[in-house]
Amino acid sequence: MEHHSTNTRCRKKMSSESENFERFRKHLAISEHGVQFAAQYLLSLGHDVLIKATHCAPSRDQWKEFADDGDLYIQQRIEVKHLSATFGKDHWPFGSKFLVCAKHSYDRSKPKPFAYLYFSSDKKCVASVMGTTREHWYVEQRTDKRYENYSQDFYLCPLEYVKFTQIS
């Protein structure tokens, strides 16, 4: 009797594993609708979207060979500035203020920048301002020295939210 009971448990386990694999296959197919919806949503926000192909393992035993590396990818917008001033990790020549960008530039951007990268004139340091710090930015009207008699609103960021990195 003991042998019969063990054999029955093995068959039930194998049966439930194959049933679960079939359930997984159905759920995977259904999840494609969610991926497509998410892609459309991200497109509406102005992101370029790459949807990865979905492949389902032909058998439960091959799942590792077919595991995905994510459903979709978006490219991140990075704004790059090369300053005429030299600065370093411990030397910011503009006091306690960090000018991020013209206010209208950020306000009209779609998608919003993921980050701003400012390179020192000697390219030995980069200052990074992440878009996630936006809540700490403030507005100041300043003269734009590149133009004659021209002022505009700029976003500035407290230095505590700016990351300075030395480049070798």
C-alpha atoms as a PDB file:
ATOM      1  CA  MET A   1       0.000   0.000   0.000  1.00  0.00           C
ATOM      2  CA  GLU A   2       2.800   2.388   0.842  1.00  0.00           C
ATOM      3  CA  HIS A   3       4.208   2.044  -2.672  1.00  0.00           C
ATOM      4  CA  HIS A   4       0.815   2.778  -4.246  1.00  0.00           C
ATOM      5  CA  SER A   5       0.377   5.910  -2.085  1.00  0.00           C
ATOM      6  CA  THR A   6       3.831   7.284  -3.028  1.00  0.00           C
ATOM      7  CA  ASN A   7       3.206   6.578  -6.703  1.00  0.00           C
ATOM      8  CA  THR A   8      -0.116   8.431  -6.552  1.00  0.00           C
ATOM      9  CA  ARG A   9       1.561  11.459  -4.941  1.00  0.00           C
ATOM     10  CA  CYS A  10       4.211  11.526  -7.685  1.00  0.00           C
ATOM     11  CA  ARG A  11       1.556  11.425 -10.412  1.00  0.00           C
ATOM     12  CA  LYS A  12      -0.405  14.191  -8.688  1.00  0.00           C
ATOM     13  CA  LYS A  13       2.743  16.311  -8.383  1.00  0.00           C
ATOM     14  CA  MET A  14       3.651  15.783 -12.047  1.00  0.00           C
ATOM     15  CA  SER A  15       0.058  16.478 -13.062  1.00  0.00           C
ATOM     16  CA  SER A  16      -0.113  19.705 -11.031  1.00  0.00           C
ATOM     17  CA  GLU A  17       3.286  20.838 -12.399  1.00  0.00           C
ATOM     18  CA  SER A  18       2.143  20.419 -15.989  1.00  0.00           C
ATOM     19  CA  GLU A  19      -1.204  22.065 -15.183  1.00  0.00           C
ATOM     20  CA  ASN A  20       0.638  24.968 -13.559  1.00  0.00           C
ATOM     21  CA  PHE A  21       2.873  25.300 -16.613  1.00  0.00           C
ATOM     22  CA  GLU A  22      -0.205  25.509 -18.851  1.00  0.00           C
ATOM     23  CA  ARG A  23      -1.654  28.134 -16.506  1.00  0.00           C
ATOM     24  CA  PHE A  24       1.620  30.049 -16.738  1.00  0.00           C
ATOM     25  CA  ARG A  25       1.462  29.940 -20.556  1.00  0.00           C
ATOM     26  CA  LYS A  26      -2.073  31.361 -20.479  1.00  0.00           C
ATOM     27  CA  HIS A  27      -1.094  34.108 -18.011  1.00  0.00           C
ATOM     28  CA  LEU A  28       1.926  34.987 -20.134  1.00  0.00           C
ATOM     29  CA  ALA A  29      -0.273  35.389 -23.208  1.00  0.00           C
ATOM     30  CA  ILE A  30      -2.729  37.545 -21.260  1.00  0.00           C
ATOM     31  CA  SER A  31       0.109  39.693 -19.860  1.00  0.00           C
ATOM     32  CA  GLU A  32       0.931  40.834 -23.408  1.00  0.00           C
ATOM     33  CA  HIS A  33      -2.133  43.087 -23.270  1.00  0.00           C
ATOM     34  CA  GLY A  34      -0.741  44.800 -20.176  1.00  0.00           C
ATOM     35  CA  VAL A  35       2.636  45.299 -21.838  1.00  0.00           C
ATOM     36  CA  GLN A  36       0.975  46.836 -24.908  1.00  0.00           C
ATOM     37  CA  PHE A  37      -1.127  49.125 -22.688  1.00  0.00           C
ATOM     38  CA  ALA A  38       1.955  50.234 -20.751  1.00  0.00           C
ATOM     39  CA  ALA A  39       3.814  50.904 -24.006  1.00  0.00           C
ATOM     40  CA  GLN A  40       0.954  53.077 -25.285  1.00  0.00           C
ATOM     41  CA  TYR A  41       0.884  54.975 -21.995  1.00  0.00           C
ATOM     42  CA  LEU A  42       4.638  55.642 -22.113  1.00  0.00           C
ATOM     43  CA  LEU A  43       4.378  56.690 -25.768  1.00  0.00           C
ATOM     44  CA  SER A  44       1.692  59.202 -24.769  1.00  0.00           C
ATOM     45  CA  LEU A  45       4.177  60.711 -22.309  1.00  0.00           C
ATOM     46  CA  GLY A  46       6.654  61.213 -25.142  1.00  0.00           C
ATOM     47  CA  HIS A  47       8.971  58.253 -24.522  1.00  0.00           C
ATOM     48  CA  ASP A  48      10.382  56.080 -27.276  1.00  0.00           C
ATOM     49  CA  VAL A  49       9.452  52.527 -26.309  1.00  0.00           C
ATOM     50  CA  LEU A  50      11.142  49.253 -27.187  1.00  0.00           C
ATOM     51  CA  ILE A  51       8.950  46.201 -26.605  1.00  0.00           C
ATOM     52  CA  LYS A  52      10.938  43.024 -26.080  1.00  0.00           C
ATOM     53  CA  ALA A  53       9.811  39.839 -27.783  1.00  0.00           C
ATOM     54  CA  THR A  54       8.076  37.323 -25.544  1.00  0.00           C
ATOM     55  CA  HIS A  55       9.093  33.699 -25.880  1.00  0.00           C
ATOM     56  CA  CYS A  56       7.531  30.900 -23.910  1.00  0.00           C
ATOM     57  CA  ALA A  57       9.445  27.761 -23.108  1.00  0.00           C
ATOM     58  CA  PRO A  58       8.100  24.688 -24.894  1.00  0.00           C
ATOM     59  CA  SER A  59       8.343  22.799 -21.611  1.00  0.00           C
ATOM     60  CA  ARG A  60       8.513  23.588 -17.910  1.00  0.00           C
ATOM     61  CA  ASP A  61      12.027  22.153 -17.739  1.00  0.00           C
ATOM     62  CA  GLN A  62      13.339  24.757 -20.208  1.00  0.00           C
ATOM     63  CA  TRP A  63      12.039  27.854 -18.424  1.00  0.00           C
ATOM     64  CA  LYS A  64      15.533  29.207 -17.577  1.00  0.00           C
ATOM     65  CA  GLU A  65      16.478  29.309 -21.258  1.00  0.00           C
ATOM     66  CA  PHE A  66      13.389  31.406 -22.019  1.00  0.00           C
ATOM     67  CA  ALA A  67      13.297  33.745 -19.001  1.00  0.00           C
ATOM     68  CA  ASP A  68      13.014  37.311 -20.244  1.00  0.00           C
ATOM     69  CA  ASP A  69      15.129  40.366 -19.477  1.00  0.00           C
ATOM     70  CA  GLY A  70      12.164  42.680 -19.041  1.00  0.00           C
ATOM     71  CA  ASP A  71       9.005  43.509 -20.940  1.00  0.00           C
ATOM     72  CA  LEU A  72       9.863  46.895 -22.364  1.00  0.00           C
ATOM     73  CA  TYR A  73      12.519  49.582 -22.319  1.00  0.00           C
ATOM     74  CA  ILE A  74      12.407  53.335 -22.633  1.00  0.00           C
ATOM     75  CA  GLN A  75      15.194  55.636 -23.589  1.00  0.00           C
ATOM     76  CA  GLN A  76      15.975  58.338 -21.061  1.00  0.00           C
ATOM     77  CA  ARG A  77      16.422  61.970 -22.038  1.00  0.00           C
ATOM     78  CA  ILE A  78      19.716  63.459 -20.879  1.00  0.00           C
ATOM     79  CA  GLU A  79      20.537  67.146 -21.328  1.00  0.00           C
ATOM     80  CA  VAL A  80      24.269  67.826 -21.709  1.00  0.00           C
ATOM     81  CA  LYS A  81      26.051  71.126 -21.118  1.00  0.00           C
ATOM     82  CA  HIS A  82      29.741  71.917 -21.469  1.00  0.00           C
ATOM     83  CA  LEU A  83      30.563  74.892 -19.277  1.00  0.00           C
ATOM     84  CA  SER A  84      33.254  77.440 -20.055  1.00  0.00           C
ATOM     85  CA  ALA A  85      34.232  77.418 -16.365  1.00  0.00           C
ATOM     86  CA  THR A  86      36.522  74.904 -14.723  1.00  0.00           C
ATOM     87  CA  PHE A  87      35.127  73.178 -11.650  1.00  0.00           C
ATOM     88  CA  GLY A  88      35.939  70.141  -9.554  1.00  0.00           C
ATOM     89  CA  LYS A  89      34.332  67.919  -6.976  1.00  0.00           C
ATOM     90  CA  ASP A  90      35.350  70.328  -4.206  1.00  0.00           C
ATOM     91  CA  HIS A  91      35.257  73.551  -6.197  1.00  0.00           C
ATOM     92  CA  TRP A  92      32.070  75.050  -7.648  1.00  0.00           C
ATOM     93  CA  PRO A  93      32.889  78.610  -8.807  1.00  0.00           C
ATOM     94  CA  PHE A  94      29.289  79.858  -8.714  1.00  0.00           C
ATOM     95  CA  GLY A  95      28.660  79.951  -4.970  1.00  0.00           C
ATOM     96  CA  SER A  96      25.735  78.067  -3.499  1.00  0.00           C
ATOM     97  CA  LYS A  97      23.588  78.104  -6.632  1.00  0.00           C
ATOM     98  CA  PHE A  98      23.413  75.664  -9.514  1.00  0.00           C
ATOM     99  CA  LEU A  99      21.593  76.774 -12.659  1.00  0.00           C
ATOM    100  CA  VAL A 100      19.764  73.785 -14.133  1.00  0.00           C
ATOM    101  CA  CYS A 101      18.118  75.230 -17.252  1.00  0.00           C
ATOM    102  CA  ALA A 102      15.800  77.871 -18.622  1.00  0.00           C
ATOM    103  CA  LYS A 103      12.382  77.456 -17.032  1.00  0.00           C
ATOM    104  CA  HIS A 104      10.528  77.384 -20.357  1.00  0.00           C
ATOM    105  CA  SER A 105      12.922  74.697 -21.624  1.00  0.00           C
ATOM    106  CA  TYR A 106      12.028  72.312 -18.804  1.00  0.00           C
ATOM    107  CA  ASP A 107       8.353  73.235 -18.650  1.00  0.00           C
ATOM    108  CA  ARG A 108       7.828  72.533 -22.362  1.00  0.00           C
ATOM    109  CA  SER A 109       9.978  69.381 -22.498  1.00  0.00           C
ATOM    110  CA  LYS A 110       8.331  66.054 -23.258  1.00  0.00           C
ATOM    111  CA  PRO A 111       9.500  63.738 -21.933  1.00  0.00           C
ATOM    112  CA  LYS A 112      11.072  65.485 -18.974  1.00  0.00           C
ATOM    113  CA  PRO A 113      14.835  65.017 -18.757  1.00  0.00           C
ATOM    114  CA  PHE A 114      16.008  62.089 -16.678  1.00  0.00           C
ATOM    115  CA  ALA A 115      19.185  64.017 -15.844  1.00  0.00           C
ATOM    116  CA  TYR A 116      21.294  67.039 -16.663  1.00  0.00           C
ATOM    117  CA  LEU A 117      25.043  66.555 -17.085  1.00  0.00           C
ATOM    118  CA  TYR A 118      27.354  69.576 -16.862  1.00  0.00           C
ATOM    119  CA  PHE A 119      30.968  69.069 -17.854  1.00  0.00           C
ATOM    120  CA  SER A 120      33.806  71.245 -16.613  1.00  0.00           C
ATOM    121  CA  SER A 121      35.705  73.114 -19.326  1.00  0.00           C
ATOM    122  CA  ASP A 122      38.695  70.816 -18.770  1.00  0.00           C
ATOM    123  CA  LYS A 123      36.389  67.750 -18.870  1.00  0.00           C
ATOM    124  CA  LYS A 124      37.809  66.495 -15.579  1.00  0.00           C
ATOM    125  CA  CYS A 125      34.544  66.755 -13.651  1.00  0.00           C
ATOM    126  CA  VAL A 126      30.859  66.280 -14.314  1.00  0.00           C
ATOM    127  CA  ALA A 127      28.026  67.723 -12.251  1.00  0.00           C
ATOM    128  CA  SER A 128      24.798  65.708 -12.413  1.00  0.00           C
ATOM    129  CA  VAL A 129      21.314  66.910 -11.561  1.00  0.00           C
ATOM    130  CA  MET A 130      18.675  64.202 -11.623  1.00  0.00           C
ATOM    131  CA  GLY A 131      15.168  65.001 -12.783  1.00  0.00           C
ATOM    132  CA  THR A 132      13.881  63.424  -9.569  1.00  0.00           C
ATOM    133  CA  THR A 133      15.231  66.442  -7.659  1.00  0.00           C
ATOM    134  CA  ARG A 134      12.743  68.751  -9.437  1.00  0.00           C
ATOM    135  CA  GLU A 135      10.723  69.325  -6.250  1.00  0.00           C
ATOM    136  CA  HIS A 136      13.753  71.110  -4.750  1.00  0.00           C
ATOM    137  CA  TRP A 137      14.363  73.469  -7.659  1.00  0.00           C
ATOM    138  CA  TYR A 138      13.386  77.113  -7.473  1.00  0.00           C
ATOM    139  CA  VAL A 139      12.978  79.883 -10.046  1.00  0.00           C
ATOM    140  CA  GLU A 140      15.149  82.958 -10.455  1.00  0.00           C
ATOM    141  CA  GLN A 141      15.125  85.544 -13.177  1.00  0.00           C
ATOM    142  CA  ARG A 142      18.608  86.113 -14.561  1.00  0.00           C
ATOM    143  CA  THR A 143      20.288  87.916 -17.374  1.00  0.00           C
ATOM    144  CA  ASP A 144      21.337  85.499 -20.071  1.00  0.00           C
ATOM    145  CA  LYS A 145      24.882  86.654 -20.775  1.00  0.00           C
ATOM    146  CA  ARG A 146      24.887  84.994 -24.175  1.00  0.00           C
ATOM    147  CA  TYR A 147      22.466  87.658 -25.449  1.00  0.00           C
ATOM    148  CA  GLU A 148      22.142  91.444 -25.218  1.00  0.00           C
ATOM    149  CA  ASN A 149      19.604  92.883 -22.769  1.00  0.00           C
ATOM    150  CA  TYR A 150      17.844  89.571 -22.306  1.00  0.00           C
ATOM    151  CA  SER A 151      16.562  88.101 -19.051  1.00  0.00           C
ATOM    152  CA  GLN A 152      14.539  84.993 -18.443  1.00  0.00           C
ATOM    153  CA  ASP A 153      13.450  82.651 -15.676  1.00  0.00           C
ATOM    154  CA  PHE A 154      15.755  79.779 -14.835  1.00  0.00           C
ATOM    155  CA  TYR A 155      15.440  76.750 -12.589  1.00  0.00           C
ATOM    156  CA  LEU A 156      18.155  76.531  -9.960  1.00  0.00           C
ATOM    157  CA  CYS A 157      18.966  73.602  -7.716  1.00  0.00           C
ATOM    158  CA  PRO A 158      20.507  73.648  -4.232  1.00  0.00           C
ATOM    159  CA  LEU A 159      24.027  72.193  -4.347  1.00  0.00           C
ATOM    160  CA  GLU A 160      23.085  69.422  -1.926  1.00  0.00           C
ATOM    161  CA  TYR A 161      21.141  67.794  -4.792  1.00  0.00           C
ATOM    162  CA  VAL A 162      23.969  68.075  -7.317  1.00  0.00           C
ATOM    163  CA  LYS A 163      26.428  65.191  -7.618  1.00  0.00           C
ATOM    164  CA  PHE A 164      29.968  66.107  -8.618  1.00  0.00           C
ATOM    165  CA  THR A 165      32.093  63.304 -10.050  1.00  0.00           C
ATOM    166  CA  GLN A 166      35.763  63.489 -11.010  1.00  0.00           C
ATOM    167  CA  ILE A 167      36.537  61.985 -14.401  1.00  0.00           C
ATOM    168  CA  SER A 168      39.909  60.331 -14.823  1.00  0.00           C
END
